[in-house]
Every structure is written in C-alpha cells, then in structure tokens.
PDB file of N, CA and C in Angstrom:
ATOM      1  N   UNK A   1      87.881 152.801  47.159  1.00  0.00           N
ATOM      2  CA  UNK A   1      88.525 151.839  46.935  1.00  0.00           C
ATOM      3  C   UNK A   1      87.283 150.463  47.631  1.00  0.00           C
ATOM      4  N   UNK A   2      88.494 148.987  47.749  1.00  0.00           N
ATOM      5  CA  UNK A   2      87.042 148.296  48.133  1.00  0.00           C
ATOM      6  C   UNK A   2      87.241 147.749  49.539  1.00  0.00           C
ATOM      7  N   UNK A   3      86.133 147.758  50.319  1.00  0.00           N
ATOM      8  CA  UNK A   3      86.278 147.327  51.476  1.00  0.00           C
ATOM      9  C   UNK A   3      86.841 146.174  52.124  1.00  0.00           C
ATOM     10  N   UNK A   4      87.679 145.923  52.814  1.00  0.00           N
ATOM     11  CA  UNK A   4      88.843 144.709  53.049  1.00  0.00           C
ATOM     12  C   UNK A   4      87.657 143.175  53.166  1.00  0.00           C
ATOM     13  N   UNK A   5      86.194 143.729  53.729  1.00  0.00           N
ATOM     14  CA  UNK A   5      85.635 142.828  54.396  1.00  0.00           C
ATOM     15  C   UNK A   5      84.763 142.372  53.303  1.00  0.00           C
ATOM     16  N   UNK A   6      84.168 143.179  52.399  1.00  0.00           N
ATOM     17  CA  UNK A   6      83.846 142.855  50.897  1.00  0.00           C
ATOM     18  C   UNK A   6      85.029 142.072  50.153  1.00  0.00           C
ATOM     19  N   UNK A   7      86.113 142.201  49.837  1.00  0.00           N
ATOM     20  CA  UNK A   7      86.952 141.200  49.536  1.00  0.00           C
ATOM     21  C   UNK A   7      86.866 139.971  49.857  1.00  0.00           C
ATOM     22  N   UNK A   8      86.953 140.215  51.520  1.00  0.00           N
ATOM     23  CA  UNK A   8      86.774 138.478  51.704  1.00  0.00           C
ATOM     24  C   UNK A   8      85.403 137.379  51.637  1.00  0.00           C
ATOM     25  N   UNK A   9      84.216 138.556  51.596  1.00  0.00           N
ATOM     26  CA  UNK A   9      82.740 137.727  50.723  1.00  0.00           C
ATOM     27  C   UNK A   9      82.840 137.709  49.662  1.00  0.00           C
ATOM     28  N   UNK A  10      83.436 138.124  48.836  1.00  0.00           N
ATOM     29  CA  UNK A  10      83.604 137.655  47.383  1.00  0.00           C
ATOM     30  C   UNK A  10      84.457 136.630  47.177  1.00  0.00           C
ATOM     31  N   UNK A  11      85.556 136.211  48.191  1.00  0.00           N
ATOM     32  CA  UNK A  11      86.382 135.170  48.475  1.00  0.00           C
ATOM     33  C   UNK A  11      85.973 133.942  48.449  1.00  0.00           C
ATOM     34  N   UNK A  12      84.898 133.988  49.716  1.00  0.00           N
ATOM     35  CA  UNK A  12      84.250 132.763  50.246  1.00  0.00           C
ATOM     36  C   UNK A  12      83.360 132.488  49.256  1.00  0.00           C
ATOM     37  N   UNK A  13      81.994 133.853  48.829  1.00  0.00           N
ATOM     38  CA  UNK A  13      81.329 133.704  48.073  1.00  0.00           C
ATOM     39  C   UNK A  13      81.602 132.736  46.553  1.00  0.00           C
ATOM     40  N   UNK A  14      82.105 133.591  45.929  1.00  0.00           N
ATOM     41  CA  UNK A  14      82.790 133.066  44.651  1.00  0.00           C
ATOM     42  C   UNK A  14      83.868 131.834  44.518  1.00  0.00           C
ATOM     43  N   UNK A  15      84.690 131.816  45.126  1.00  0.00           N
ATOM     44  CA  UNK A  15      85.549 130.619  45.152  1.00  0.00           C
ATOM     45  C   UNK A  15      85.898 129.579  46.264  1.00  0.00           C
ATOM     46  N   UNK A  16      84.350 129.872  46.815  1.00  0.00           N
ATOM     47  CA  UNK A  16      84.505 128.587  48.422  1.00  0.00           C
ATOM     48  C   UNK A  16      85.776 128.626  49.216  1.00  0.00           C
ATOM     49  N   UNK A  17      86.126 129.680  49.420  1.00  0.00           N
ATOM     50  CA  UNK A  17      87.416 129.462  50.483  1.00  0.00           C
ATOM     51  C   UNK A  17      86.599 129.818  52.117  1.00  0.00           C
ATOM     52  N   UNK A  18      87.410 129.406  52.702  1.00  0.00           N
ATOM     53  CA  UNK A  18      86.775 129.354  54.467  1.00  0.00           C
ATOM     54  C   UNK A  18      87.279 130.984  54.609  1.00  0.00           C
ATOM     55  N   UNK A  19      86.926 131.226  55.659  1.00  0.00           N
ATOM     56  CA  UNK A  19      87.292 132.462  56.571  1.00  0.00           C
ATOM     57  C   UNK A  19      88.766 133.128  56.564  1.00  0.00           C
ATOM     58  N   UNK A  20      89.295 132.092  56.883  1.00  0.00           N
ATOM     59  CA  UNK A  20      90.907 132.030  57.334  1.00  0.00           C
ATOM     60  C   UNK A  20      91.235 132.148  56.195  1.00  0.00           C
ATOM     61  N   UNK A  21      91.027 131.560  54.770  1.00  0.00           N
ATOM     62  CA  UNK A  21      92.109 131.589  53.531  1.00  0.00           C
ATOM     63  C   UNK A  21      91.488 132.932  52.674  1.00  0.00           C
ATOM     64  N   UNK A  22      90.345 133.699  52.919  1.00  0.00           N
ATOM     65  CA  UNK A  22      89.663 134.345  52.435  1.00  0.00           C
ATOM     66  C   UNK A  22      90.388 135.291  52.840  1.00  0.00           C
ATOM     67  N   UNK A  23      90.735 135.715  54.418  1.00  0.00           N
ATOM     68  CA  UNK A  23      91.554 137.121  54.834  1.00  0.00           C
ATOM     69  C   UNK A  23      92.681 136.868  54.659  1.00  0.00           C
ATOM     70  N   UNK A  24      93.323 135.647  54.059  1.00  0.00           N
ATOM     71  CA  UNK A  24      94.641 135.753  54.156  1.00  0.00           C
ATOM     72  C   UNK A  24      95.245 136.477  52.542  1.00  0.00           C
ATOM     73  N   UNK A  25      94.117 136.155  51.816  1.00  0.00           N
ATOM     74  CA  UNK A  25      94.173 136.289  50.239  1.00  0.00           C
ATOM     75  C   UNK A  25      94.053 137.851  50.021  1.00  0.00           C
ATOM     76  N   UNK A  26      93.131 138.567  50.952  1.00  0.00           N
ATOM     77  CA  UNK A  26      92.626 139.711  50.910  1.00  0.00           C
ATOM     78  C   UNK A  26      93.906 140.700  51.287  1.00  0.00           C
ATOM     79  N   UNK A  27      94.967 140.035  52.658  1.00  0.00           N
ATOM     80  CA  UNK A  27      95.895 140.502  53.318  1.00  0.00           C
ATOM     81  C   UNK A  27      97.219 140.889  52.176  1.00  0.00           C
ATOM     82  N   UNK A  28      96.877 139.506  51.576  1.00  0.00           N
ATOM     83  CA  UNK A  28      98.134 139.722  50.279  1.00  0.00           C
ATOM     84  C   UNK A  28      98.032 140.597  48.771  1.00  0.00           C
ATOM     85  N   UNK A  29      96.346 140.810  48.822  1.00  0.00           N
ATOM     86  CA  UNK A  29      95.994 141.741  47.869  1.00  0.00           C
ATOM     87  C   UNK A  29      96.268 143.166  48.653  1.00  0.00           C
ATOM     88  N   UNK A  30      95.817 143.463  49.598  1.00  0.00           N
ATOM     89  CA  UNK A  30      96.024 144.754  50.444  1.00  0.00           C
ATOM     90  C   UNK A  30      97.653 145.192  50.483  1.00  0.00           C
ATOM     91  N   UNK A  31      98.279 144.061  50.607  1.00  0.00           N
ATOM     92  CA  UNK A  31      99.938 144.442  50.358  1.00  0.00           C
ATOM     93  C   UNK A  31     100.419 144.650  49.069  1.00  0.00           C
ATOM     94  N   UNK A  32     100.185 143.140  48.650  1.00  0.00           N
ATOM     95  CA  UNK A  32     100.827 143.265  46.868  1.00  0.00           C
ATOM     96  C   UNK A  32     100.094 144.116  45.450  1.00  0.00           C
ATOM     97  N   UNK A  33      98.656 144.025  46.210  1.00  0.00           N
ATOM     98  CA  UNK A  33      98.198 144.668  44.623  1.00  0.00           C
ATOM     99  C   UNK A  33      97.164 143.621  43.887  1.00  0.00           C
ATOM    100  N   UNK A  34      98.155 142.304  44.429  1.00  0.00           N
ATOM    101  CA  UNK A  34      97.473 141.123  43.508  1.00  0.00           C
ATOM    102  C   UNK A  34      97.816 140.169  44.349  1.00  0.00           C
ATOM    103  N   UNK A  35      96.817 138.448  43.952  1.00  0.00           N
ATOM    104  CA  UNK A  35      97.163 137.559  44.446  1.00  0.00           C
ATOM    105  C   UNK A  35      96.716 136.507  43.348  1.00  0.00           C
ATOM    106  N   UNK A  36      96.853 135.444  43.333  1.00  0.00           N
ATOM    107  CA  UNK A  36      96.231 134.072  42.777  1.00  0.00           C
ATOM    108  C   UNK A  36      95.142 133.380  43.661  1.00  0.00           C
ATOM    109  N   UNK A  37      93.846 133.505  43.099  1.00  0.00           N
ATOM    110  CA  UNK A  37      92.681 132.947  44.008  1.00  0.00           C
ATOM    111  C   UNK A  37      92.550 131.300  44.080  1.00  0.00           C
ATOM    112  N   UNK A  38      92.575 131.024  42.363  1.00  0.00           N
ATOM    113  CA  UNK A  38      92.915 129.412  42.174  1.00  0.00           C
ATOM    114  C   UNK A  38      93.384 129.366  40.997  1.00  0.00           C
ATOM    115  N   UNK A  39      93.293 127.804  40.373  1.00  0.00           N
ATOM    116  CA  UNK A  39      93.428 127.493  39.171  1.00  0.00           C
ATOM    117  C   UNK A  39      92.271 126.812  38.662  1.00  0.00           C
ATOM    118  N   UNK A  40      91.821 127.383  37.147  1.00  0.00           N
ATOM    119  CA  UNK A  40      90.386 126.696  36.929  1.00  0.00           C
ATOM    120  C   UNK A  40      91.037 126.649  35.175  1.00  0.00           C
ATOM    121  N   UNK A  41      89.600 126.096  34.565  1.00  0.00           N
ATOM    122  CA  UNK A  41      89.581 125.690  33.249  1.00  0.00           C
ATOM    123  C   UNK A  41      89.070 127.303  32.964  1.00  0.00           C
ATOM    124  N   UNK A  42      89.475 127.383  31.735  1.00  0.00           N
ATOM    125  CA  UNK A  42      89.333 128.473  30.978  1.00  0.00           C
ATOM    126  C   UNK A  42      87.640 129.176  31.431  1.00  0.00           C
ATOM    127  N   UNK A  43      86.974 127.983  31.197  1.00  0.00           N
ATOM    128  CA  UNK A  43      85.232 128.613  30.889  1.00  0.00           C
ATOM    129  C   UNK A  43      84.992 128.849  32.155  1.00  0.00           C
ATOM    130  N   UNK A  44      85.530 128.286  33.332  1.00  0.00           N
ATOM    131  CA  UNK A  44      84.978 128.256  34.570  1.00  0.00           C
ATOM    132  C   UNK A  44      85.617 129.686  35.244  1.00  0.00           C
ATOM    133  N   UNK A  45      87.075 129.822  35.034  1.00  0.00           N
ATOM    134  CA  UNK A  45      87.698 130.785  35.157  1.00  0.00           C
ATOM    135  C   UNK A  45      87.044 132.485  34.800  1.00  0.00           C
ATOM    136  N   UNK A  46      86.241 132.347  33.738  1.00  0.00           N
ATOM    137  CA  UNK A  46      85.542 133.144  32.630  1.00  0.00           C
ATOM    138  C   UNK A  46      84.252 134.098  33.413  1.00  0.00           C
ATOM    139  N   UNK A  47      83.963 132.560  33.747  1.00  0.00           N
ATOM    140  CA  UNK A  47      82.158 132.728  34.414  1.00  0.00           C
ATOM    141  C   UNK A  47      82.805 133.528  35.800  1.00  0.00           C
ATOM    142  N   UNK A  48      83.933 132.784  36.637  1.00  0.00           N
ATOM    143  CA  UNK A  48      83.897 133.399  38.304  1.00  0.00           C
ATOM    144  C   UNK A  48      84.422 134.981  38.172  1.00  0.00           C
ATOM    145  N   UNK A  49      84.987 135.448  36.709  1.00  0.00           N
ATOM    146  CA  UNK A  49      85.395 136.505  36.819  1.00  0.00           C
ATOM    147  C   UNK A  49      83.947 137.378  36.346  1.00  0.00           C
ATOM    148  N   UNK A  50      83.493 137.263  35.528  1.00  0.00           N
ATOM    149  CA  UNK A  50      82.101 138.123  35.269  1.00  0.00           C
ATOM    150  C   UNK A  50      81.300 137.826  36.354  1.00  0.00           C
ATOM    151  N   UNK A  51      80.784 136.881  37.243  1.00  0.00           N
ATOM    152  CA  UNK A  51      79.833 137.164  38.209  1.00  0.00           C
ATOM    153  C   UNK A  51      81.085 138.121  39.565  1.00  0.00           C
ATOM    154  N   UNK A  52      81.925 137.837  39.592  1.00  0.00           N
ATOM    155  CA  UNK A  52      82.639 138.701  40.605  1.00  0.00           C
ATOM    156  C   UNK A  52      82.643 140.139  40.509  1.00  0.00           C
ATOM    157  N   UNK A  53      83.181 140.395  39.072  1.00  0.00           N
ATOM    158  CA  UNK A  53      82.419 141.846  38.737  1.00  0.00           C
ATOM    159  C   UNK A  53      81.448 142.036  38.258  1.00  0.00           C
ATOM    160  N   UNK A  54      80.652 141.372  38.201  1.00  0.00           N
ATOM    161  CA  UNK A  54      79.183 142.142  38.016  1.00  0.00           C
ATOM    162  C   UNK A  54      78.738 142.535  39.502  1.00  0.00           C
ATOM    163  N   UNK A  55      79.123 141.295  40.927  1.00  0.00           N
ATOM    164  CA  UNK A  55      78.948 141.114  41.761  1.00  0.00           C
ATOM    165  C   UNK A  55      79.303 142.763  42.171  1.00  0.00           C
ATOM    166  N   UNK A  56      80.596 143.175  41.976  1.00  0.00           N
ATOM    167  CA  UNK A  56      81.354 144.512  42.416  1.00  0.00           C
ATOM    168  C   UNK A  56      80.532 145.536  42.276  1.00  0.00           C
ATOM    169  N   UNK A  57      80.061 145.586  40.848  1.00  0.00           N
ATOM    170  CA  UNK A  57      79.442 146.595  40.320  1.00  0.00           C
ATOM    171  C   UNK A  57      78.123 147.061  40.602  1.00  0.00           C
ATOM    172  N   UNK A  58      77.389 145.358  41.305  1.00  0.00           N
ATOM    173  CA  UNK A  58      76.092 145.727  42.265  1.00  0.00           C
ATOM    174  C   UNK A  58      76.684 146.595  43.158  1.00  0.00           C
ATOM    175  N   UNK A  59      77.357 146.225  43.703  1.00  0.00           N
ATOM    176  CA  UNK A  59      77.858 146.768  45.446  1.00  0.00           C
ATOM    177  C   UNK A  59      78.550 148.211  45.139  1.00  0.00           C
ATOM    178  N   UNK A  60      78.737 148.232  43.965  1.00  0.00           N
ATOM    179  CA  UNK A  60      79.400 150.117  43.560  1.00  0.00           C
ATOM    180  C   UNK A  60      80.837 150.119  44.447  1.00  0.00           C
ATOM    181  N   UNK A  61      81.885 148.857  44.062  1.00  0.00           N
ATOM    182  CA  UNK A  61      82.912 149.010  44.679  1.00  0.00           C
ATOM    183  C   UNK A  61      83.982 148.784  43.483  1.00  0.00           C
ATOM    184  N   UNK A  62      85.240 149.195  43.096  1.00  0.00           N
ATOM    185  CA  UNK A  62      86.031 148.640  42.237  1.00  0.00           C
ATOM    186  C   UNK A  62      86.967 147.841  42.320  1.00  0.00           C
ATOM    187  N   UNK A  63      86.185 146.845  42.916  1.00  0.00           N
ATOM    188  CA  UNK A  63      87.081 145.156  42.802  1.00  0.00           C
ATOM    189  C   UNK A  63      87.245 145.397  41.602  1.00  0.00           C
ATOM    190  N   UNK A  64      88.701 144.404  41.379  1.00  0.00           N
ATOM    191  CA  UNK A  64      88.974 143.606  40.250  1.00  0.00           C
ATOM    192  C   UNK A  64      89.190 142.471  40.065  1.00  0.00           C
ATOM    193  N   UNK A  65      89.435 141.619  39.305  1.00  0.00           N
ATOM    194  CA  UNK A  65      88.983 140.726  38.645  1.00  0.00           C
ATOM    195  C   UNK A  65      89.565 139.858  37.434  1.00  0.00           C
ATOM    196  N   UNK A  66      90.672 139.282  37.207  1.00  0.00           N
ATOM    197  CA  UNK A  66      90.797 138.741  36.374  1.00  0.00           C
ATOM    198  C   UNK A  66      91.438 137.677  35.778  1.00  0.00           C
ATOM    199  N   UNK A  67      91.462 136.645  34.768  1.00  0.00           N
ATOM    200  CA  UNK A  67      92.325 135.577  34.624  1.00  0.00           C
ATOM    201  C   UNK A  67      93.365 136.132  33.896  1.00  0.00           C
ATOM    202  N   UNK A  68      94.044 134.789  33.746  1.00  0.00           N
ATOM    203  CA  UNK A  68      95.637 134.814  33.230  1.00  0.00           C
ATOM    204  C   UNK A  68      96.087 133.040  32.682  1.00  0.00           C
ATOM    205  N   UNK A  69      96.401 133.184  31.783  1.00  0.00           N
ATOM    206  CA  UNK A  69      96.758 131.964  31.223  1.00  0.00           C
ATOM    207  C   UNK A  69      97.611 131.277  32.413  1.00  0.00           C
ATOM    208  N   UNK A  70      97.917 130.012  32.649  1.00  0.00           N
ATOM    209  CA  UNK A  70      99.199 129.664  33.876  1.00  0.00           C
ATOM    210  C   UNK A  70     100.327 129.386  32.780  1.00  0.00           C
TER     211      UNK A  70
END
C-alpha cells in the first residue's frame, strides 16, 4: 500500500495543492479508490502522470496515477 502522507506529498509537489487540499483528495482516494486531481492539457497531464509514477517507483510505493479524457 502507499502511505497516506506520501500521497499528500505527491499531491502538493506535483499538483501544487496546499496541505488541506491534498489531505482532502487523499481521503477521497482512501475511501473511494479514485479522485480527480485536476484538468490539464494532454501534454501537461502526460508529463504529470510520468513524473508521479517515476517518483512513486523510486520510493517503492505502488501509487497509481492515470489520465482520462474529459
């Protein structure tokens, strides 16, 4: 599993959320398994997904980050 605090750090670092926003989204993911973090252009979303997945892998956490068409 991925620690809650790690998820909060990722949301703050890669999506520019403040701690309260990141904590709220982390709780949504914890309860529902998924949450929308933001709406971005295809290129920016692709970059963010790659950055988050690389960061999670380097820290050995199974965190998943995906993008979907709106």
